C-alpha cells in the first residue's frame, strides 16, 4: 500500500515569495490612499505569533488601563491607596494578554 504524502499541503502552506521580509509593525493594511502597496501579508509562523501577541497586549492592557482610570476617577478621595489600582490592573491585563496572545497566535 503506498504511503500517503502531504506534498500538496507543503506547497499550499509553505509558499513564501522570493525575497520576503515581514512587514513592519503595527499594521498589515494601510487604508488611506497613499502611493505604494497598501496590503502586506505574513507568511511565517513567528511573524504571525508576534503580530498577534503585540496587538493583544495593546488592546487588553488598554482596556484595563481605561477601567483603572475609571476606578481612580470614582475613588479619588482615597488617594493613599488608589495608586495601586493601575499597577494591579496593568499586571493582570498584561498576564491575560500574554496568555491569550500566545494561545491565539500559536494556533
PDB file of N, CA and C in Angstrom:
ATOM      1  N   UNK A   1       0.847  -1.168   0.000  1.00  0.00           N
ATOM      2  CA  UNK A   1       0.000   0.000   0.000  1.00  0.00           C
ATOM      3  C   UNK A   1       0.897   1.237   0.000  1.00  0.00           C
ATOM      4  N   UNK A   2       0.647   2.200  -0.878  1.00  0.00           N
ATOM      5  CA  UNK A   2       1.502   3.389  -0.924  1.00  0.00           C
ATOM      6  C   UNK A   2       1.281   4.293   0.288  1.00  0.00           C
ATOM      7  N   UNK A   3       2.339   4.927   0.670  1.00  0.00           N
ATOM      8  CA  UNK A   3       2.295   5.829   1.825  1.00  0.00           C
ATOM      9  C   UNK A   3       1.675   7.176   1.417  1.00  0.00           C
ATOM     10  N   UNK A   4       0.822   7.703   2.272  1.00  0.00           N
ATOM     11  CA  UNK A   4       0.176   8.980   1.984  1.00  0.00           C
ATOM     12  C   UNK A   4       1.206  10.105   2.056  1.00  0.00           C
ATOM     13  N   UNK A   5       1.107  11.025   1.144  1.00  0.00           N
ATOM     14  CA  UNK A   5       2.039  12.136   1.097  1.00  0.00           C
ATOM     15  C   UNK A   5       1.301  13.447   1.326  1.00  0.00           C
ATOM     16  N   UNK A   6       1.964  14.367   1.988  1.00  0.00           N
ATOM     17  CA  UNK A   6       1.345  15.667   2.217  1.00  0.00           C
ATOM     18  C   UNK A   6       2.057  16.751   1.405  1.00  0.00           C
ATOM     19  N   UNK A   7       2.511  16.397   0.193  1.00  0.00           N
ATOM     20  CA  UNK A   7       3.180  17.365  -0.673  1.00  0.00           C
ATOM     21  C   UNK A   7       2.265  18.529  -1.025  1.00  0.00           C
ATOM     22  N   UNK A   8       0.992  18.239  -1.182  1.00  0.00           N
ATOM     23  CA  UNK A   8       0.038  19.301  -1.518  1.00  0.00           C
ATOM     24  C   UNK A   8      -0.004  20.357  -0.418  1.00  0.00           C
ATOM     25  N   UNK A   9      -0.102  19.908   0.856  1.00  0.00           N
ATOM     26  CA  UNK A   9      -0.138  20.854   1.965  1.00  0.00           C
ATOM     27  C   UNK A   9       1.166  21.637   2.075  1.00  0.00           C
ATOM     28  N   UNK A  10       2.284  20.986   1.840  1.00  0.00           N
ATOM     29  CA  UNK A  10       3.562  21.693   1.895  1.00  0.00           C
ATOM     30  C   UNK A  10       3.603  22.798   0.846  1.00  0.00           C
ATOM     31  N   UNK A  11       3.038  22.515  -0.319  1.00  0.00           N
ATOM     32  CA  UNK A  11       3.025  23.515  -1.387  1.00  0.00           C
ATOM     33  C   UNK A  11       2.120  24.682  -1.028  1.00  0.00           C
ATOM     34  N   UNK A  12       0.953  24.405  -0.481  1.00  0.00           N
ATOM     35  CA  UNK A  12      -0.008  25.457  -0.180  1.00  0.00           C
ATOM     36  C   UNK A  12       0.403  26.250   1.064  1.00  0.00           C
ATOM     37  N   UNK A  13       0.818  25.578   2.116  1.00  0.00           N
ATOM     38  CA  UNK A  13       1.086  26.241   3.388  1.00  0.00           C
ATOM     39  C   UNK A  13       2.433  26.960   3.384  1.00  0.00           C
ATOM     40  N   UNK A  14       3.449  26.382   2.776  1.00  0.00           N
ATOM     41  CA  UNK A  14       4.795  26.927   2.883  1.00  0.00           C
ATOM     42  C   UNK A  14       5.189  27.830   1.721  1.00  0.00           C
ATOM     43  N   UNK A  15       4.227  28.371   1.002  1.00  0.00           N
ATOM     44  CA  UNK A  15       4.557  29.241  -0.115  1.00  0.00           C
ATOM     45  C   UNK A  15       4.954  30.601   0.431  1.00  0.00           C
ATOM     46  N   UNK A  16       6.182  31.009   0.155  1.00  0.00           N
ATOM     47  CA  UNK A  16       6.699  32.295   0.607  1.00  0.00           C
ATOM     48  C   UNK A  16       7.377  32.944  -0.591  1.00  0.00           C
ATOM     49  N   UNK A  17       7.042  34.183  -0.901  1.00  0.00           N
ATOM     50  CA  UNK A  17       7.667  34.835  -2.055  1.00  0.00           C
ATOM     51  C   UNK A  17       9.181  34.946  -1.892  1.00  0.00           C
ATOM     52  N   UNK A  18       9.867  34.948  -3.026  1.00  0.00           N
ATOM     53  CA  UNK A  18      11.326  35.102  -3.009  1.00  0.00           C
ATOM     54  C   UNK A  18      11.650  36.507  -2.514  1.00  0.00           C
ATOM     55  N   UNK A  19      12.587  36.603  -1.597  1.00  0.00           N
ATOM     56  CA  UNK A  19      12.981  37.892  -1.045  1.00  0.00           C
ATOM     57  C   UNK A  19      11.987  38.440  -0.032  1.00  0.00           C
ATOM     58  N   UNK A  20      11.170  37.578   0.535  1.00  0.00           N
ATOM     59  CA  UNK A  20      10.152  38.016   1.501  1.00  0.00           C
ATOM     60  C   UNK A  20      10.802  38.483   2.796  1.00  0.00           C
ATOM     61  N   UNK A  21      10.317  39.597   3.313  1.00  0.00           N
ATOM     62  CA  UNK A  21      10.674  40.030   4.658  1.00  0.00           C
ATOM     63  C   UNK A  21       9.374  40.477   5.332  1.00  0.00           C
ATOM     64  N   UNK A  22       9.204  40.162   6.607  1.00  0.00           N
ATOM     65  CA  UNK A  22       7.946  40.505   7.289  1.00  0.00           C
ATOM     66  C   UNK A  22       7.715  42.012   7.289  1.00  0.00           C
ATOM     67  N   UNK A  23       6.468  42.425   7.147  1.00  0.00           N
ATOM     68  CA  UNK A  23       6.171  43.862   7.174  1.00  0.00           C
ATOM     69  C   UNK A  23       6.412  44.430   8.566  1.00  0.00           C
ATOM     70  N   UNK A  24       6.678  45.720   8.653  1.00  0.00           N
ATOM     71  CA  UNK A  24       6.918  46.321   9.972  1.00  0.00           C
ATOM     72  C   UNK A  24       5.636  46.415  10.786  1.00  0.00           C
ATOM     73  N   UNK A  25       5.808  46.380  12.084  1.00  0.00           N
ATOM     74  CA  UNK A  25       4.684  46.578  12.988  1.00  0.00           C
ATOM     75  C   UNK A  25       4.284  48.042  12.887  1.00  0.00           C
ATOM     76  N   UNK A  26       3.092  48.446  12.923  1.00  0.00           N
ATOM     77  CA  UNK A  26       1.936  47.946  13.618  1.00  0.00           C
ATOM     78  C   UNK A  26       0.834  47.409  12.730  1.00  0.00           C
ATOM     79  N   UNK A  27       0.882  47.583  11.412  1.00  0.00           N
ATOM     80  CA  UNK A  27      -0.297  47.264  10.630  1.00  0.00           C
ATOM     81  C   UNK A  27       0.051  46.450   9.396  1.00  0.00           C
ATOM     82  N   UNK A  28      -0.927  45.645   8.986  1.00  0.00           N
ATOM     83  CA  UNK A  28      -0.801  44.894   7.742  1.00  0.00           C
ATOM     84  C   UNK A  28      -1.551  45.577   6.610  1.00  0.00           C
ATOM     85  N   UNK A  29      -2.378  46.532   6.937  1.00  0.00           N
ATOM     86  CA  UNK A  29      -3.184  47.206   5.919  1.00  0.00           C
ATOM     87  C   UNK A  29      -3.221  48.696   6.216  1.00  0.00           C
ATOM     88  N   UNK A  30      -2.940  49.510   5.228  1.00  0.00           N
ATOM     89  CA  UNK A  30      -2.983  50.959   5.373  1.00  0.00           C
ATOM     90  C   UNK A  30      -4.149  51.458   4.538  1.00  0.00           C
ATOM     91  N   UNK A  31      -5.213  51.952   5.177  1.00  0.00           N
ATOM     92  CA  UNK A  31      -6.450  52.255   4.454  1.00  0.00           C
ATOM     93  C   UNK A  31      -6.434  53.548   3.650  1.00  0.00           C
ATOM     94  N   UNK A  32      -5.498  54.424   3.875  1.00  0.00           N
ATOM     95  CA  UNK A  32      -5.511  55.714   3.201  1.00  0.00           C
ATOM     96  C   UNK A  32      -4.879  55.599   1.819  1.00  0.00           C
ATOM     97  N   UNK A  33      -5.343  56.374   0.864  1.00  0.00           N
ATOM     98  CA  UNK A  33      -4.793  56.274  -0.499  1.00  0.00           C
ATOM     99  C   UNK A  33      -3.424  56.937  -0.620  1.00  0.00           C
ATOM    100  N   UNK A  34      -2.421  56.241  -0.188  1.00  0.00           N
ATOM    101  CA  UNK A  34      -1.047  56.709  -0.272  1.00  0.00           C
ATOM    102  C   UNK A  34      -0.349  55.857  -1.322  1.00  0.00           C
ATOM    103  N   UNK A  35       0.590  56.428  -2.033  1.00  0.00           N
ATOM    104  CA  UNK A  35       1.294  55.667  -3.057  1.00  0.00           C
ATOM    105  C   UNK A  35       1.994  54.447  -2.498  1.00  0.00           C
ATOM    106  N   UNK A  36       2.118  53.440  -3.305  1.00  0.00           N
ATOM    107  CA  UNK A  36       2.787  52.214  -2.880  1.00  0.00           C
ATOM    108  C   UNK A  36       1.785  51.145  -2.488  1.00  0.00           C
ATOM    109  N   UNK A  37       2.320  50.039  -1.990  1.00  0.00           N
ATOM    110  CA  UNK A  37       1.446  48.933  -1.596  1.00  0.00           C
ATOM    111  C   UNK A  37       0.703  49.272  -0.322  1.00  0.00           C
ATOM    112  N   UNK A  38      -0.530  48.848  -0.255  1.00  0.00           N
ATOM    113  CA  UNK A  38      -1.350  49.120   0.922  1.00  0.00           C
ATOM    114  C   UNK A  38      -1.610  47.876   1.742  1.00  0.00           C
ATOM    115  N   UNK A  39      -1.383  46.721   1.190  1.00  0.00           N
ATOM    116  CA  UNK A  39      -1.660  45.478   1.892  1.00  0.00           C
ATOM    117  C   UNK A  39      -0.374  44.671   2.007  1.00  0.00           C
ATOM    118  N   UNK A  40      -0.128  44.138   3.189  1.00  0.00           N
ATOM    119  CA  UNK A  40       1.032  43.283   3.423  1.00  0.00           C
ATOM    120  C   UNK A  40       0.546  41.973   4.024  1.00  0.00           C
ATOM    121  N   UNK A  41       1.315  40.915   3.832  1.00  0.00           N
ATOM    122  CA  UNK A  41       0.928  39.599   4.309  1.00  0.00           C
ATOM    123  C   UNK A  41       2.030  39.009   5.175  1.00  0.00           C
ATOM    124  N   UNK A  42       1.614  38.157   6.095  1.00  0.00           N
ATOM    125  CA  UNK A  42       2.554  37.417   6.936  1.00  0.00           C
ATOM    126  C   UNK A  42       2.591  35.980   6.441  1.00  0.00           C
ATOM    127  N   UNK A  43       3.776  35.466   6.198  1.00  0.00           N
ATOM    128  CA  UNK A  43       3.911  34.118   5.668  1.00  0.00           C
ATOM    129  C   UNK A  43       4.550  33.140   6.644  1.00  0.00           C
ATOM    130  N   UNK A  44       5.215  33.619   7.674  1.00  0.00           N
ATOM    131  CA  UNK A  44       5.858  32.689   8.597  1.00  0.00           C
ATOM    132  C   UNK A  44       5.186  32.740   9.969  1.00  0.00           C
ATOM    133  N   UNK A  45       5.252  31.629  10.663  1.00  0.00           N
ATOM    134  CA  UNK A  45       4.533  31.475  11.927  1.00  0.00           C
ATOM    135  C   UNK A  45       5.051  32.430  13.004  1.00  0.00           C
ATOM    136  N   UNK A  46       6.335  32.695  13.039  1.00  0.00           N
ATOM    137  CA  UNK A  46       6.881  33.580  14.069  1.00  0.00           C
ATOM    138  C   UNK A  46       6.343  34.997  13.916  1.00  0.00           C
ATOM    139  N   UNK A  47       6.252  35.496  12.707  1.00  0.00           N
ATOM    140  CA  UNK A  47       5.705  36.832  12.480  1.00  0.00           C
ATOM    141  C   UNK A  47       4.226  36.894  12.853  1.00  0.00           C
ATOM    142  N   UNK A  48       3.480  35.847  12.520  1.00  0.00           N
ATOM    143  CA  UNK A  48       2.061  35.806  12.873  1.00  0.00           C
ATOM    144  C   UNK A  48       1.881  35.798  14.384  1.00  0.00           C
ATOM    145  N   UNK A  49       2.701  35.009  15.062  1.00  0.00           N
ATOM    146  CA  UNK A  49       2.630  34.933  16.517  1.00  0.00           C
ATOM    147  C   UNK A  49       2.945  36.291  17.138  1.00  0.00           C
ATOM    148  N   UNK A  50       4.029  36.927  16.702  1.00  0.00           N
ATOM    149  CA  UNK A  50       4.419  38.217  17.263  1.00  0.00           C
ATOM    150  C   UNK A  50       3.366  39.291  17.021  1.00  0.00           C
ATOM    151  N   UNK A  51       2.822  39.334  15.821  1.00  0.00           N
ATOM    152  CA  UNK A  51       1.784  40.301  15.495  1.00  0.00           C
ATOM    153  C   UNK A  51       0.578  40.130  16.408  1.00  0.00           C
ATOM    154  N   UNK A  52       0.160  38.900  16.614  1.00  0.00           N
ATOM    155  CA  UNK A  52      -0.993  38.616  17.464  1.00  0.00           C
ATOM    156  C   UNK A  52      -0.718  38.980  18.918  1.00  0.00           C
ATOM    157  N   UNK A  53       0.441  38.626  19.423  1.00  0.00           N
ATOM    158  CA  UNK A  53       0.776  38.929  20.827  1.00  0.00           C
ATOM    159  C   UNK A  53       0.849  40.434  21.054  1.00  0.00           C
ATOM    160  N   UNK A  54       1.500  41.154  20.155  1.00  0.00           N
ATOM    161  CA  UNK A  54       1.625  42.605  20.333  1.00  0.00           C
ATOM    162  C   UNK A  54       0.275  43.302  20.319  1.00  0.00           C
ATOM    163  N   UNK A  55      -0.574  42.970  19.347  1.00  0.00           N
ATOM    164  CA  UNK A  55      -1.879  43.639  19.292  1.00  0.00           C
ATOM    165  C   UNK A  55      -2.773  43.232  20.452  1.00  0.00           C
ATOM    166  N   UNK A  56      -2.672  41.991  20.903  1.00  0.00           N
ATOM    167  CA  UNK A  56      -3.446  41.576  22.074  1.00  0.00           C
ATOM    168  C   UNK A  56      -2.987  42.350  23.305  1.00  0.00           C
ATOM    169  N   UNK A  57      -1.690  42.524  23.468  1.00  0.00           N
ATOM    170  CA  UNK A  57      -1.176  43.326  24.584  1.00  0.00           C
ATOM    171  C   UNK A  57      -1.700  44.756  24.516  1.00  0.00           C
ATOM    172  N   UNK A  58      -1.659  45.357  23.343  1.00  0.00           N
ATOM    173  CA  UNK A  58      -2.116  46.739  23.201  1.00  0.00           C
ATOM    174  C   UNK A  58      -3.587  46.876  23.575  1.00  0.00           C
ATOM    175  N   UNK A  59      -4.435  46.012  23.044  1.00  0.00           N
ATOM    176  CA  UNK A  59      -5.868  46.142  23.292  1.00  0.00           C
ATOM    177  C   UNK A  59      -6.263  45.774  24.715  1.00  0.00           C
ATOM    178  N   UNK A  60      -5.781  44.654  25.220  1.00  0.00           N
ATOM    179  CA  UNK A  60      -6.196  44.199  26.549  1.00  0.00           C
ATOM    180  C   UNK A  60      -5.653  45.121  27.629  1.00  0.00           C
ATOM    181  N   UNK A  61      -4.387  45.498  27.536  1.00  0.00           N
ATOM    182  CA  UNK A  61      -3.830  46.414  28.533  1.00  0.00           C
ATOM    183  C   UNK A  61      -4.499  47.780  28.420  1.00  0.00           C
ATOM    184  N   UNK A  62      -4.817  48.208  27.212  1.00  0.00           N
ATOM    185  CA  UNK A  62      -5.527  49.471  27.038  1.00  0.00           C
ATOM    186  C   UNK A  62      -6.888  49.480  27.709  1.00  0.00           C
ATOM    187  N   UNK A  63      -7.635  48.395  27.564  1.00  0.00           N
ATOM    188  CA  UNK A  63      -8.948  48.310  28.217  1.00  0.00           C
ATOM    189  C   UNK A  63      -8.789  48.275  29.734  1.00  0.00           C
ATOM    190  N   UNK A  64      -7.800  47.550  30.223  1.00  0.00           N
ATOM    191  CA  UNK A  64      -7.567  47.507  31.666  1.00  0.00           C
ATOM    192  C   UNK A  64      -7.151  48.872  32.210  1.00  0.00           C
ATOM    193  N   UNK A  65      -6.366  49.605  31.463  1.00  0.00           N
ATOM    194  CA  UNK A  65      -5.964  50.937  31.915  1.00  0.00           C
ATOM    195  C   UNK A  65      -7.140  51.911  31.891  1.00  0.00           C
ATOM    196  N   UNK A  66      -8.039  51.766  30.926  1.00  0.00           N
ATOM    197  CA  UNK A  66      -9.249  52.598  30.918  1.00  0.00           C
ATOM    198  C   UNK A  66     -10.115  52.285  32.139  1.00  0.00           C
ATOM    199  N   UNK A  67     -10.233  51.012  32.478  1.00  0.00           N
ATOM    200  CA  UNK A  67     -11.000  50.628  33.671  1.00  0.00           C
ATOM    201  C   UNK A  67     -10.316  51.142  34.936  1.00  0.00           C
ATOM    202  N   UNK A  68      -8.988  51.105  34.965  1.00  0.00           N
ATOM    203  CA  UNK A  68      -8.259  51.637  36.125  1.00  0.00           C
ATOM    204  C   UNK A  68      -8.453  53.144  36.227  1.00  0.00           C
ATOM    205  N   UNK A  69      -8.462  53.834  35.108  1.00  0.00           N
ATOM    206  CA  UNK A  69      -8.720  55.270  35.112  1.00  0.00           C
ATOM    207  C   UNK A  69     -10.104  55.601  35.649  1.00  0.00           C
ATOM    208  N   UNK A  70     -11.087  54.803  35.265  1.00  0.00           N
ATOM    209  CA  UNK A  70     -12.439  54.997  35.778  1.00  0.00           C
ATOM    210  C   UNK A  70     -12.488  54.739  37.284  1.00  0.00           C
ATOM    211  N   UNK A  71     -11.797  53.689  37.734  1.00  0.00           N
ATOM    212  CA  UNK A  71     -11.757  53.389  39.168  1.00  0.00           C
ATOM    213  C   UNK A  71     -11.093  54.520  39.941  1.00  0.00           C
ATOM    214  N   UNK A  72     -10.040  55.084  39.394  1.00  0.00           N
ATOM    215  CA  UNK A  72      -9.375  56.215  40.052  1.00  0.00           C
ATOM    216  C   UNK A  72     -10.302  57.428  40.105  1.00  0.00           C
ATOM    217  N   UNK A  73     -11.011  57.674  39.011  1.00  0.00           N
ATOM    218  CA  UNK A  73     -11.931  58.817  38.978  1.00  0.00           C
ATOM    219  C   UNK A  73     -13.052  58.672  40.005  1.00  0.00           C
ATOM    220  N   UNK A  74     -13.501  57.448  40.238  1.00  0.00           N
ATOM    221  CA  UNK A  74     -14.590  57.233  41.191  1.00  0.00           C
ATOM    222  C   UNK A  74     -14.108  57.252  42.642  1.00  0.00           C
ATOM    223  N   UNK A  75     -12.858  56.909  42.866  1.00  0.00           N
ATOM    224  CA  UNK A  75     -12.339  56.805  44.231  1.00  0.00           C
ATOM    225  C   UNK A  75     -11.216  57.805  44.491  1.00  0.00           C
ATOM    226  N   UNK A  76     -11.261  58.972  43.913  1.00  0.00           N
ATOM    227  CA  UNK A  76     -10.167  59.921  44.019  1.00  0.00           C
ATOM    228  C   UNK A  76      -9.946  60.414  45.444  1.00  0.00           C
ATOM    229  N   UNK A  77     -10.932  60.331  46.301  1.00  0.00           N
ATOM    230  CA  UNK A  77     -10.754  60.791  47.685  1.00  0.00           C
ATOM    231  C   UNK A  77      -9.874  59.849  48.500  1.00  0.00           C
ATOM    232  N   UNK A  78      -9.791  58.605  48.077  1.00  0.00           N
ATOM    233  CA  UNK A  78      -8.961  57.624  48.771  1.00  0.00           C
ATOM    234  C   UNK A  78      -7.581  57.593  48.109  1.00  0.00           C
ATOM    235  N   UNK A  79      -6.910  58.713  48.080  1.00  0.00           N
ATOM    236  CA  UNK A  79      -5.682  58.882  47.323  1.00  0.00           C
ATOM    237  C   UNK A  79      -4.503  58.096  47.870  1.00  0.00           C
ATOM    238  N   UNK A  80      -4.560  57.665  49.138  1.00  0.00           N
ATOM    239  CA  UNK A  80      -3.434  56.926  49.710  1.00  0.00           C
ATOM    240  C   UNK A  80      -3.356  55.495  49.184  1.00  0.00           C
ATOM    241  N   UNK A  81      -4.478  54.930  48.784  1.00  0.00           N
ATOM    242  CA  UNK A  81      -4.485  53.542  48.302  1.00  0.00           C
ATOM    243  C   UNK A  81      -4.822  53.407  46.818  1.00  0.00           C
ATOM    244  N   UNK A  82      -5.375  54.431  46.212  1.00  0.00           N
ATOM    245  CA  UNK A  82      -5.868  54.287  44.842  1.00  0.00           C
ATOM    246  C   UNK A  82      -4.737  54.140  43.819  1.00  0.00           C
ATOM    247  N   UNK A  83      -3.523  54.536  44.153  1.00  0.00           N
ATOM    248  CA  UNK A  83      -2.407  54.415  43.216  1.00  0.00           C
ATOM    249  C   UNK A  83      -2.093  52.959  42.875  1.00  0.00           C
ATOM    250  N   UNK A  84      -2.489  52.031  43.738  1.00  0.00           N
ATOM    251  CA  UNK A  84      -2.201  50.617  43.499  1.00  0.00           C
ATOM    252  C   UNK A  84      -3.103  50.028  42.410  1.00  0.00           C
ATOM    253  N   UNK A  85      -4.250  50.652  42.158  1.00  0.00           N
ATOM    254  CA  UNK A  85      -5.207  50.117  41.166  1.00  0.00           C
ATOM    255  C   UNK A  85      -4.582  50.021  39.770  1.00  0.00           C
ATOM    256  N   UNK A  86      -3.955  51.076  39.225  1.00  0.00           N
ATOM    257  CA  UNK A  86      -3.373  50.920  37.888  1.00  0.00           C
ATOM    258  C   UNK A  86      -2.260  49.876  37.825  1.00  0.00           C
ATOM    259  N   UNK A  87      -1.507  49.752  38.900  1.00  0.00           N
ATOM    260  CA  UNK A  87      -0.427  48.758  38.920  1.00  0.00           C
ATOM    261  C   UNK A  87      -1.003  47.351  38.858  1.00  0.00           C
ATOM    262  N   UNK A  88      -2.013  47.093  39.675  1.00  0.00           N
ATOM    263  CA  UNK A  88      -2.635  45.762  39.689  1.00  0.00           C
ATOM    264  C   UNK A  88      -3.320  45.479  38.356  1.00  0.00           C
ATOM    265  N   UNK A  89      -4.048  46.461  37.824  1.00  0.00           N
ATOM    266  CA  UNK A  89      -4.733  46.275  36.542  1.00  0.00           C
ATOM    267  C   UNK A  89      -3.731  46.046  35.415  1.00  0.00           C
ATOM    268  N   UNK A  90      -2.611  46.756  35.456  1.00  0.00           N
ATOM    269  CA  UNK A  90      -1.585  46.576  34.434  1.00  0.00           C
ATOM    270  C   UNK A  90      -1.000  45.165  34.487  1.00  0.00           C
ATOM    271  N   UNK A  91      -0.702  44.679  35.672  1.00  0.00           N
ATOM    272  CA  UNK A  91      -0.153  43.326  35.803  1.00  0.00           C
ATOM    273  C   UNK A  91      -1.155  42.259  35.372  1.00  0.00           C
ATOM    274  N   UNK A  92      -2.391  42.401  35.811  1.00  0.00           N
ATOM    275  CA  UNK A  92      -3.416  41.412  35.448  1.00  0.00           C
ATOM    276  C   UNK A  92      -3.694  41.456  33.947  1.00  0.00           C
ATOM    277  N   UNK A  93      -3.862  42.668  33.394  1.00  0.00           N
ATOM    278  CA  UNK A  93      -4.111  42.793  31.963  1.00  0.00           C
ATOM    279  C   UNK A  93      -2.954  42.286  31.129  1.00  0.00           C
ATOM    280  N   UNK A  94      -1.721  42.557  31.564  1.00  0.00           N
ATOM    281  CA  UNK A  94      -0.553  42.065  30.845  1.00  0.00           C
ATOM    282  C   UNK A  94      -0.465  40.554  30.841  1.00  0.00           C
ATOM    283  N   UNK A  95      -0.745  39.931  31.985  1.00  0.00           N
ATOM    284  CA  UNK A  95      -0.722  38.468  32.045  1.00  0.00           C
ATOM    285  C   UNK A  95      -1.827  37.866  31.178  1.00  0.00           C
ATOM    286  N   UNK A  96      -3.031  38.434  31.255  1.00  0.00           N
ATOM    287  CA  UNK A  96      -4.133  37.948  30.423  1.00  0.00           C
ATOM    288  C   UNK A  96      -3.788  38.073  28.941  1.00  0.00           C
ATOM    289  N   UNK A  97      -3.213  39.206  28.558  1.00  0.00           N
ATOM    290  CA  UNK A  97      -2.889  39.445  27.153  1.00  0.00           C
ATOM    291  C   UNK A  97      -1.790  38.495  26.674  1.00  0.00           C
ATOM    292  N   UNK A  98      -0.782  38.261  27.487  1.00  0.00           N
ATOM    293  CA  UNK A  98       0.277  37.339  27.089  1.00  0.00           C
ATOM    294  C   UNK A  98      -0.249  35.921  26.905  1.00  0.00           C
ATOM    295  N   UNK A  99      -1.096  35.489  27.824  1.00  0.00           N
ATOM    296  CA  UNK A  99      -1.659  34.139  27.703  1.00  0.00           C
ATOM    297  C   UNK A  99      -2.553  34.047  26.479  1.00  0.00           C
ATOM    298  N   UNK A 100      -3.481  34.992  26.319  1.00  0.00           N
ATOM    299  CA  UNK A 100      -4.404  34.952  25.182  1.00  0.00           C
ATOM    300  C   UNK A 100      -3.666  35.120  23.855  1.00  0.00           C
ATOM    301  N   UNK A 101      -2.709  36.036  23.797  1.00  0.00           N
ATOM    302  CA  UNK A 101      -1.960  36.246  22.565  1.00  0.00           C
ATOM    303  C   UNK A 101      -1.127  35.035  22.167  1.00  0.00           C
ATOM    304  N   UNK A 102      -0.527  34.370  23.151  1.00  0.00           N
ATOM    305  CA  UNK A 102       0.238  33.171  22.848  1.00  0.00           C
ATOM    306  C   UNK A 102      -0.648  32.013  22.402  1.00  0.00           C
ATOM    307  N   UNK A 103      -1.805  31.882  23.018  1.00  0.00           N
ATOM    308  CA  UNK A 103      -2.719  30.801  22.619  1.00  0.00           C
ATOM    309  C   UNK A 103      -3.242  31.052  21.216  1.00  0.00           C
ATOM    310  N   UNK A 104      -3.762  32.255  20.969  1.00  0.00           N
ATOM    311  CA  UNK A 104      -4.331  32.545  19.662  1.00  0.00           C
ATOM    312  C   UNK A 104      -3.239  32.618  18.588  1.00  0.00           C
ATOM    313  N   UNK A 105      -2.121  33.250  18.889  1.00  0.00           N
ATOM    314  CA  UNK A 105      -1.042  33.363  17.921  1.00  0.00           C
ATOM    315  C   UNK A 105      -0.345  32.047  17.625  1.00  0.00           C
ATOM    316  N   UNK A 106      -0.415  31.117  18.548  1.00  0.00           N
ATOM    317  CA  UNK A 106       0.217  29.816  18.344  1.00  0.00           C
ATOM    318  C   UNK A 106      -0.630  28.820  17.611  1.00  0.00           C
ATOM    319  N   UNK A 107      -1.895  29.159  17.364  1.00  0.00           N
ATOM    320  CA  UNK A 107      -2.782  28.206  16.670  1.00  0.00           C
ATOM    321  C   UNK A 107      -2.521  28.151  15.210  1.00  0.00           C
TER     322      UNK A 107
END
